[in-house]
Amino acid sequence: MNYLYHSVPKDLKGNILYPLNVLKEKFPEIYKQQFSKYAGREHITKQIIPILDCLWNDVLHFSAVKPREIKQSLIEAGYPDFKMSYYEIDSKLIEPKNAIVYLYNHTDNKDKMNIENFAPYNPDEVATFSTMPQATKDYYKEMINKGERPLLHHRIPHILYKGTLDINGVTMITI
């Protein structure tokens, strides 16, 4: 079975994962806390995702890379050990017509939302995007060497889903 992973949000209310812009209306305090992770990168939230024709914050973000691999890469780069909690989600729970894969192939921000930087989402092909990119490992090392906290999913392909997701019955893993 192919899985997608989504970090377990702090202060989750109920059993539905909402995109950030929906949180803004439903749970403003949680929105503020979640939006804070874009500090200094607010421009990202204004970018339009091709095909889905919506903003970056109108979608849920998933990864096919196992959280254990992300954590191991961080530790190998010199980041201290810490706990991570993720939902492990059957890739078939995501409707392909409302999803797209953000490949992270660009080398600079001006090409970020170029259509060539996206691929159709097929739940049967999720494993294609499950390898930890070397570019991410290099980024982790660079940031840690600068004394900065790295973004966990930088340069890792994102599965972007325009919708909400009921996490009732979904496995939560903590590593």
C-alpha atoms as a PDB file:
ATOM      1  CA  MET A   1       0.000   0.000   0.000  1.00  0.00           C
ATOM      2  CA  ASN A   2       1.177   3.535  -0.763  1.00  0.00           C
ATOM      3  CA  TYR A   3       1.054   6.131   1.986  1.00  0.00           C
ATOM      4  CA  LEU A   4       1.130   9.879   2.249  1.00  0.00           C
ATOM      5  CA  TYR A   5       2.206  11.692   5.385  1.00  0.00           C
ATOM      6  CA  HIS A   6       0.909  14.841   7.029  1.00  0.00           C
ATOM      7  CA  SER A   7       2.322  16.225  10.251  1.00  0.00           C
ATOM      8  CA  VAL A   8      -0.089  16.097  13.173  1.00  0.00           C
ATOM      9  CA  PRO A   9      -1.158  19.698  13.775  1.00  0.00           C
ATOM     10  CA  LYS A  10      -0.913  21.159  17.243  1.00  0.00           C
ATOM     11  CA  ASP A  11      -4.301  22.132  18.661  1.00  0.00           C
ATOM     12  CA  LEU A  12      -6.282  20.116  16.107  1.00  0.00           C
ATOM     13  CA  LYS A  13     -10.009  20.577  16.702  1.00  0.00           C
ATOM     14  CA  GLY A  14     -12.164  17.685  15.590  1.00  0.00           C
ATOM     15  CA  ASN A  15     -11.065  15.070  13.088  1.00  0.00           C
ATOM     16  CA  ILE A  16     -10.829  17.060   9.863  1.00  0.00           C
ATOM     17  CA  LEU A  17      -7.650  18.435   8.305  1.00  0.00           C
ATOM     18  CA  TYR A  18      -8.363  21.813   6.725  1.00  0.00           C
ATOM     19  CA  PRO A  19      -6.240  23.905   4.358  1.00  0.00           C
ATOM     20  CA  LEU A  20      -4.818  27.017   5.969  1.00  0.00           C
ATOM     21  CA  ASN A  21      -7.246  29.430   4.303  1.00  0.00           C
ATOM     22  CA  VAL A  22     -10.213  27.407   5.590  1.00  0.00           C
ATOM     23  CA  LEU A  23      -8.722  27.471   9.090  1.00  0.00           C
ATOM     24  CA  LYS A  24      -8.672  31.259   8.855  1.00  0.00           C
ATOM     25  CA  GLU A  25     -12.483  31.274   8.837  1.00  0.00           C
ATOM     26  CA  LYS A  26     -13.207  28.243  11.070  1.00  0.00           C
ATOM     27  CA  PHE A  27     -10.509  28.527  13.736  1.00  0.00           C
ATOM     28  CA  PRO A  28      -8.757  31.942  13.571  1.00  0.00           C
ATOM     29  CA  GLU A  29      -6.449  31.269  16.553  1.00  0.00           C
ATOM     30  CA  ILE A  30      -5.203  27.999  15.069  1.00  0.00           C
ATOM     31  CA  TYR A  31      -4.782  29.757  11.720  1.00  0.00           C
ATOM     32  CA  LYS A  32      -2.517  32.390  13.319  1.00  0.00           C
ATOM     33  CA  GLN A  33      -0.341  29.714  14.901  1.00  0.00           C
ATOM     34  CA  GLN A  34      -0.111  27.686  11.666  1.00  0.00           C
ATOM     35  CA  PHE A  35       0.463  30.760   9.489  1.00  0.00           C
ATOM     36  CA  SER A  36       3.430  31.731  11.653  1.00  0.00           C
ATOM     37  CA  LYS A  37       5.496  29.009   9.941  1.00  0.00           C
ATOM     38  CA  TYR A  38       5.483  31.258   6.859  1.00  0.00           C
ATOM     39  CA  ALA A  39       7.173  34.147   8.693  1.00  0.00           C
ATOM     40  CA  GLY A  40       9.542  35.781   6.222  1.00  0.00           C
ATOM     41  CA  ARG A  41       8.050  33.666   3.417  1.00  0.00           C
ATOM     42  CA  GLU A  42       4.547  35.159   3.266  1.00  0.00           C
ATOM     43  CA  HIS A  43       4.827  35.581  -0.531  1.00  0.00           C
ATOM     44  CA  ILE A  44       4.439  31.799  -0.885  1.00  0.00           C
ATOM     45  CA  THR A  45       0.886  32.018   0.408  1.00  0.00           C
ATOM     46  CA  LYS A  46      -0.076  34.252  -2.528  1.00  0.00           C
ATOM     47  CA  GLN A  47       1.157  31.891  -5.243  1.00  0.00           C
ATOM     48  CA  ILE A  48      -1.369  30.230  -7.517  1.00  0.00           C
ATOM     49  CA  ILE A  49      -1.079  26.493  -8.079  1.00  0.00           C
ATOM     50  CA  PRO A  50      -1.558  25.604 -11.755  1.00  0.00           C
ATOM     51  CA  ILE A  51      -4.208  23.045 -12.686  1.00  0.00           C
ATOM     52  CA  LEU A  52      -5.916  23.342  -9.278  1.00  0.00           C
ATOM     53  CA  ASP A  53      -6.304  27.105  -9.850  1.00  0.00           C
ATOM     54  CA  CYS A  54      -6.075  28.000  -6.179  1.00  0.00           C
ATOM     55  CA  LEU A  55      -3.621  29.504  -3.718  1.00  0.00           C
ATOM     56  CA  TRP A  56      -0.824  27.646  -1.923  1.00  0.00           C
ATOM     57  CA  ASN A  57      -2.830  27.941   1.316  1.00  0.00           C
ATOM     58  CA  ASP A  58      -6.015  26.532  -0.259  1.00  0.00           C
ATOM     59  CA  VAL A  59      -4.589  23.004  -0.269  1.00  0.00           C
ATOM     60  CA  LEU A  60      -3.432  20.375   2.183  1.00  0.00           C
ATOM     61  CA  HIS A  61       0.243  19.434   1.849  1.00  0.00           C
ATOM     62  CA  PHE A  62       1.369  15.810   1.987  1.00  0.00           C
ATOM     63  CA  SER A  63       4.661  14.000   1.468  1.00  0.00           C
ATOM     64  CA  ALA A  64       5.329  10.470   0.277  1.00  0.00           C
ATOM     65  CA  VAL A  65       8.720  10.387   2.049  1.00  0.00           C
ATOM     66  CA  LYS A  66       8.530   8.397   5.266  1.00  0.00           C
ATOM     67  CA  PRO A  67       8.912  10.626   8.347  1.00  0.00           C
ATOM     68  CA  ARG A  68      11.596   8.276   9.711  1.00  0.00           C
ATOM     69  CA  GLU A  69      13.758   9.090   6.647  1.00  0.00           C
ATOM     70  CA  ILE A  70      13.257  12.818   7.161  1.00  0.00           C
ATOM     71  CA  LYS A  71      14.175  12.557  10.831  1.00  0.00           C
ATOM     72  CA  GLN A  72      17.218  10.355  10.099  1.00  0.00           C
ATOM     73  CA  SER A  73      18.458  12.831   7.469  1.00  0.00           C
ATOM     74  CA  LEU A  74      18.113  15.698   9.943  1.00  0.00           C
ATOM     75  CA  ILE A  75      20.033  13.812  12.625  1.00  0.00           C
ATOM     76  CA  GLU A  76      22.777  12.864  10.141  1.00  0.00           C
ATOM     77  CA  ALA A  77      23.052  16.546   9.206  1.00  0.00           C
ATOM     78  CA  GLY A  78      23.647  17.437  12.860  1.00  0.00           C
ATOM     79  CA  TYR A  79      20.163  18.335  14.079  1.00  0.00           C
ATOM     80  CA  PRO A  80      19.358  17.122  17.602  1.00  0.00           C
ATOM     81  CA  ASP A  81      16.988  14.184  18.046  1.00  0.00           C
ATOM     82  CA  PHE A  82      13.341  15.150  18.568  1.00  0.00           C
ATOM     83  CA  LYS A  83       9.864  13.608  18.375  1.00  0.00           C
ATOM     84  CA  MET A  84       7.782  13.838  15.211  1.00  0.00           C
ATOM     85  CA  SER A  85       4.130  12.822  14.813  1.00  0.00           C
ATOM     86  CA  TYR A  86       2.508  12.217  11.438  1.00  0.00           C
ATOM     87  CA  TYR A  87      -0.678  10.825  10.026  1.00  0.00           C
ATOM     88  CA  GLU A  88      -0.053   7.885   7.705  1.00  0.00           C
ATOM     89  CA  ILE A  89      -2.731   8.164   5.034  1.00  0.00           C
ATOM     90  CA  ASP A  90      -3.711   5.684   2.359  1.00  0.00           C
ATOM     91  CA  SER A  91      -2.895   7.441  -0.931  1.00  0.00           C
ATOM     92  CA  LYS A  92      -6.281   6.388  -2.313  1.00  0.00           C
ATOM     93  CA  LEU A  93      -8.068   8.688   0.178  1.00  0.00           C
ATOM     94  CA  ILE A  94      -6.905  11.643  -1.927  1.00  0.00           C
ATOM     95  CA  GLU A  95      -9.066  12.310  -4.975  1.00  0.00           C
ATOM     96  CA  PRO A  96      -6.782  12.551  -8.046  1.00  0.00           C
ATOM     97  CA  LYS A  97      -8.986  15.173  -9.733  1.00  0.00           C
ATOM     98  CA  ASN A  98      -8.360  17.523  -6.773  1.00  0.00           C
ATOM     99  CA  ALA A  99      -4.663  16.826  -6.345  1.00  0.00           C
ATOM    100  CA  ILE A 100      -1.372  17.529  -8.029  1.00  0.00           C
ATOM    101  CA  VAL A 101       2.285  16.767  -7.281  1.00  0.00           C
ATOM    102  CA  TYR A 102       4.580  19.729  -6.747  1.00  0.00           C
ATOM    103  CA  LEU A 103       7.906  18.325  -7.949  1.00  0.00           C
ATOM    104  CA  TYR A 104      10.227  20.963  -6.515  1.00  0.00           C
ATOM    105  CA  ASN A 105      12.343  20.778  -9.690  1.00  0.00           C
ATOM    106  CA  HIS A 106      13.000  24.509  -9.935  1.00  0.00           C
ATOM    107  CA  THR A 107      16.293  26.045  -8.963  1.00  0.00           C
ATOM    108  CA  ASP A 108      14.995  29.506  -8.111  1.00  0.00           C
ATOM    109  CA  ASN A 109      11.775  31.103  -6.892  1.00  0.00           C
ATOM    110  CA  LYS A 110      10.793  32.638 -10.239  1.00  0.00           C
ATOM    111  CA  ASP A 111      10.142  29.188 -11.758  1.00  0.00           C
ATOM    112  CA  LYS A 112       8.391  27.775  -8.710  1.00  0.00           C
ATOM    113  CA  MET A 113       4.802  27.773 -10.021  1.00  0.00           C
ATOM    114  CA  ASN A 114       5.700  26.918 -13.603  1.00  0.00           C
ATOM    115  CA  ILE A 115       3.446  24.154 -14.956  1.00  0.00           C
ATOM    116  CA  GLU A 116       6.533  22.025 -15.689  1.00  0.00           C
ATOM    117  CA  ASN A 117       7.163  21.868 -11.953  1.00  0.00           C
ATOM    118  CA  PHE A 118       3.975  19.824 -11.430  1.00  0.00           C
ATOM    119  CA  ALA A 119       2.806  16.304 -12.268  1.00  0.00           C
ATOM    120  CA  PRO A 120      -0.613  14.649 -12.181  1.00  0.00           C
ATOM    121  CA  TYR A 121      -1.443  12.828  -8.970  1.00  0.00           C
ATOM    122  CA  ASN A 122      -1.982   9.100  -9.238  1.00  0.00           C
ATOM    123  CA  PRO A 123      -2.377   7.232  -5.933  1.00  0.00           C
ATOM    124  CA  ASP A 124      -0.842   4.109  -7.478  1.00  0.00           C
ATOM    125  CA  GLU A 125       2.360   6.009  -8.329  1.00  0.00           C
ATOM    126  CA  VAL A 126       3.025   7.650  -4.966  1.00  0.00           C
ATOM    127  CA  ALA A 127       6.138   5.513  -4.444  1.00  0.00           C
ATOM    128  CA  THR A 128       7.722   7.485  -7.306  1.00  0.00           C
ATOM    129  CA  PHE A 129       7.936  10.456  -4.929  1.00  0.00           C
ATOM    130  CA  SER A 130       8.955   8.596  -1.757  1.00  0.00           C
ATOM    131  CA  THR A 131      12.745   8.901  -2.028  1.00  0.00           C
ATOM    132  CA  MET A 132      14.469  11.437   0.202  1.00  0.00           C
ATOM    133  CA  PRO A 133      16.110  13.913  -2.214  1.00  0.00           C
ATOM    134  CA  GLN A 134      19.832  14.546  -1.874  1.00  0.00           C
ATOM    135  CA  ALA A 135      19.065  18.249  -2.355  1.00  0.00           C
ATOM    136  CA  THR A 136      17.058  18.148   0.889  1.00  0.00           C
ATOM    137  CA  LYS A 137      19.876  16.452   2.775  1.00  0.00           C
ATOM    138  CA  ASP A 138      22.321  19.079   1.469  1.00  0.00           C
ATOM    139  CA  TYR A 139      19.900  21.858   2.471  1.00  0.00           C
ATOM    140  CA  TYR A 140      19.610  20.399   5.997  1.00  0.00           C
ATOM    141  CA  LYS A 141      23.401  20.411   6.390  1.00  0.00           C
ATOM    142  CA  GLU A 142      23.689  23.951   5.048  1.00  0.00           C
ATOM    143  CA  MET A 143      21.035  25.339   7.392  1.00  0.00           C
ATOM    144  CA  ILE A 144      22.334  23.490  10.453  1.00  0.00           C
ATOM    145  CA  ASN A 145      25.885  24.664   9.726  1.00  0.00           C
ATOM    146  CA  LYS A 146      24.527  28.242   9.672  1.00  0.00           C
ATOM    147  CA  GLY A 147      22.844  27.638  13.029  1.00  0.00           C
ATOM    148  CA  GLU A 148      19.383  27.906  11.509  1.00  0.00           C
ATOM    149  CA  ARG A 149      16.423  25.562  11.780  1.00  0.00           C
ATOM    150  CA  PRO A 150      15.737  23.887   8.422  1.00  0.00           C
ATOM    151  CA  LEU A 151      12.299  23.604   6.867  1.00  0.00           C
ATOM    152  CA  LEU A 152      11.456  19.899   7.140  1.00  0.00           C
ATOM    153  CA  HIS A 153       9.981  19.434   3.663  1.00  0.00           C
ATOM    154  CA  HIS A 154      12.177  21.762   1.611  1.00  0.00           C
ATOM    155  CA  ARG A 155      12.951  20.243  -1.814  1.00  0.00           C
ATOM    156  CA  ILE A 156      10.749  17.191  -1.076  1.00  0.00           C
ATOM    157  CA  PRO A 157       7.909  16.698  -3.601  1.00  0.00           C
ATOM    158  CA  HIS A 158       4.572  17.774  -2.137  1.00  0.00           C
ATOM    159  CA  ILE A 159       1.237  16.201  -2.923  1.00  0.00           C
ATOM    160  CA  LEU A 160      -1.160  19.136  -2.881  1.00  0.00           C
ATOM    161  CA  TYR A 161      -4.825  18.371  -2.244  1.00  0.00           C
ATOM    162  CA  LYS A 162      -7.638  20.857  -2.763  1.00  0.00           C
ATOM    163  CA  GLY A 163     -10.060  19.617  -0.147  1.00  0.00           C
ATOM    164  CA  THR A 164     -10.379  18.537   3.461  1.00  0.00           C
ATOM    165  CA  LEU A 165      -9.560  15.155   4.920  1.00  0.00           C
ATOM    166  CA  ASP A 166     -11.322  13.222   7.668  1.00  0.00           C
ATOM    167  CA  ILE A 167      -8.575  11.599   9.736  1.00  0.00           C
ATOM    168  CA  ASN A 168     -10.946   9.355  11.697  1.00  0.00           C
ATOM    169  CA  GLY A 169      -9.377   5.893  11.676  1.00  0.00           C
ATOM    170  CA  VAL A 170      -6.117   7.108  10.121  1.00  0.00           C
ATOM    171  CA  THR A 171      -2.937   5.776  11.743  1.00  0.00           C
ATOM    172  CA  MET A 172      -0.812   8.255  13.661  1.00  0.00           C
ATOM    173  CA  ILE A 173       2.888   7.472  13.982  1.00  0.00           C
ATOM    174  CA  THR A 174       5.346   9.082  16.365  1.00  0.00           C
ATOM    175  CA  ILE A 175       9.059   8.666  15.913  1.00  0.00           C
END
